[in-house]
Amino acid sequence: MAVAGCKKQEGGAGDPNSGKAKTYRIAVIPKGTTHIFWKSIHAGAIKAQQELKAAGIDVEIIWKGPLKEDDRESQIRVVEDFITRA
């Protein structure tokens, strides 16, 4: 299972007090980080980040997950950590 979330950072283009463009933060949480499948997901996320930045959209990819796919406790902890950041 992979989970992704997106949040705009404050002070974006819609903020009349800021001249900065909006920054989108996207969390990508893989089931594990050592298997080749999840490494390809990571590479795709980084490529998408680069393409969006080239199009003028400021994106930050946050990649975090447990080392092994069968580590359920770490999977839960990572998801809970991202929920509390929101």
Protein backbone atom coordinates (compact mmCIF):
# COMPACT_ATOMS: atom_id res chain seq x y z
CA MET A 1 0.00 0.00 0.00
CA ALA A 2 1.22 3.46 -0.83
CA VAL A 3 -0.32 6.60 0.54
CA ALA A 4 0.15 10.09 -0.79
CA GLY A 5 -1.07 13.37 0.60
CA CYS A 6 -0.76 16.95 -0.50
CA LYS A 7 -0.81 20.19 1.43
CA LYS A 8 -0.30 23.76 0.31
CA GLN A 9 2.13 25.74 2.40
CA GLU A 10 1.02 29.09 3.77
CA GLY A 11 2.06 32.28 2.04
CA GLY A 12 1.10 31.13 -1.42
CA ALA A 13 0.03 33.09 -4.45
CA GLY A 14 -3.47 33.53 -3.03
CA ASP A 15 -2.06 35.29 0.03
CA PRO A 16 -2.13 39.06 -0.60
CA ASN A 17 0.74 39.52 1.88
CA SER A 18 3.11 37.27 -0.01
CA GLY A 19 4.78 37.44 -3.39
CA LYS A 20 5.70 33.76 -3.26
CA ALA A 21 4.12 31.05 -5.36
CA LYS A 22 2.30 28.23 -3.59
CA THR A 23 4.38 25.26 -2.54
CA TYR A 24 2.72 21.86 -2.59
CA ARG A 25 4.07 19.26 -0.19
CA ILE A 26 3.31 15.69 -1.24
CA ALA A 27 3.97 12.84 1.15
CA VAL A 28 4.61 9.48 -0.48
CA ILE A 29 4.50 6.60 1.98
CA PRO A 30 5.49 3.24 0.52
CA LYS A 31 4.78 -0.10 2.15
CA GLY A 32 8.55 -0.62 2.25
CA THR A 33 11.61 1.14 0.84
CA THR A 34 14.00 -1.66 -0.08
CA HIS A 35 12.04 -3.57 -2.76
CA ILE A 36 12.69 -2.60 -6.39
CA PHE A 37 8.98 -1.84 -6.93
CA TRP A 38 8.97 0.86 -4.23
CA LYS A 39 12.28 2.23 -5.50
CA SER A 40 10.63 2.70 -8.91
CA ILE A 41 7.72 4.52 -7.23
CA HIS A 42 10.25 6.82 -5.55
CA ALA A 43 11.97 7.50 -8.89
CA GLY A 44 8.59 8.31 -10.46
CA ALA A 45 7.71 10.72 -7.65
CA ILE A 46 11.03 12.54 -8.05
CA LYS A 47 10.56 12.73 -11.83
CA ALA A 48 7.05 14.15 -11.37
CA GLN A 49 8.46 16.72 -8.93
CA GLN A 50 11.06 17.80 -11.50
CA GLU A 51 8.46 18.02 -14.29
CA LEU A 52 6.10 20.09 -12.15
CA LYS A 53 8.91 22.44 -11.11
CA ALA A 54 9.86 22.85 -14.78
CA ALA A 55 6.22 23.85 -15.42
CA GLY A 56 6.48 26.49 -12.69
CA ILE A 57 4.68 24.57 -9.94
CA ASP A 58 6.65 24.41 -6.71
CA VAL A 59 6.40 20.87 -5.32
CA GLU A 60 8.21 19.17 -2.46
CA ILE A 61 8.12 15.36 -2.34
CA ILE A 62 8.49 13.83 1.11
CA TRP A 63 9.41 10.15 0.87
CA LYS A 64 9.22 8.13 4.05
CA GLY A 65 8.44 4.52 4.80
CA PRO A 66 9.68 1.47 6.69
CA LEU A 67 12.62 -0.57 5.39
CA LYS A 68 10.67 -3.81 5.04
CA GLU A 69 7.16 -4.40 3.76
CA ASP A 70 6.23 -6.71 6.64
CA ASP A 71 7.01 -4.13 9.37
CA ARG A 72 3.43 -3.16 10.17
CA GLU A 73 4.30 -1.20 13.30
CA SER A 74 6.64 1.09 11.36
CA GLN A 75 4.05 1.51 8.60
CA ILE A 76 1.47 2.63 11.15
CA ARG A 77 3.94 4.95 12.86
CA VAL A 78 4.89 6.67 9.57
CA VAL A 79 1.25 7.26 8.63
CA GLU A 80 0.43 8.57 12.12
CA ASP A 81 3.43 10.92 11.96
CA PHE A 82 2.19 12.43 8.71
CA ILE A 83 -1.35 12.76 10.05
CA THR A 84 -0.10 14.76 13.04
CA ARG A 85 1.86 17.08 10.69
CA ALA A 86 -1.32 18.15 8.89
